[in-house]
């Protein structure tokens, strides 16, 4: 039996834009006593809702530069849920690397496909010789990539781009900030729960 505190599953990890959106908006929807469950993907959010492991889910649905979040659109298909609210936050992207690496060591930037869309011009201009990549499963989440870089579980030749708070949390080195192609960069998030049958 759970206590009265609600569990909110989010698409991102600790330090992610998803966490930032939750912390700054959940109280506006009457969810003041809660704990976050870091689920890394929208698919994981829906699976956890369906297994009743969480009370609410939150995920990014659209970005002003990058458009629809394909991962979320695909995860929503065929699912029975209701949208409790939507909210947006301003997004600024930073490039972060292992504290043991230099930018010249970086061979690949691994991040979410949305981040690549939001930073396409600047990444090409500034880091055109570095391979850009997205991964499957939880590694689609830059927060998870940052965590693994920090734990030295992936090569120090890998960097990620996301919320600069990830660098603080995971003790990574920020080598560039404001990589988004426009300062007017906003992501919209949805707060959802399963529809009661």
Foldseek 3Di string as FASTA:
>chain_A
DDDPAFEEEEQADPLAVRVVCCVVPVVVLVRDRYDYDYQNALLSRLVCLVVVVGFKYKYWAAKPQQGGQVRNVVSPPPAAKDFSDKDKDFFKKFKWFAPVDDLVLAQEEEEAPSVCRQQVVLCCVPPVRHHYYYDDDSSNHVLVVLQCRLVVVDDRNYMYMGRCSSCVVSVIDTDDIRSGPDSRMMIMMTMMHGDDD
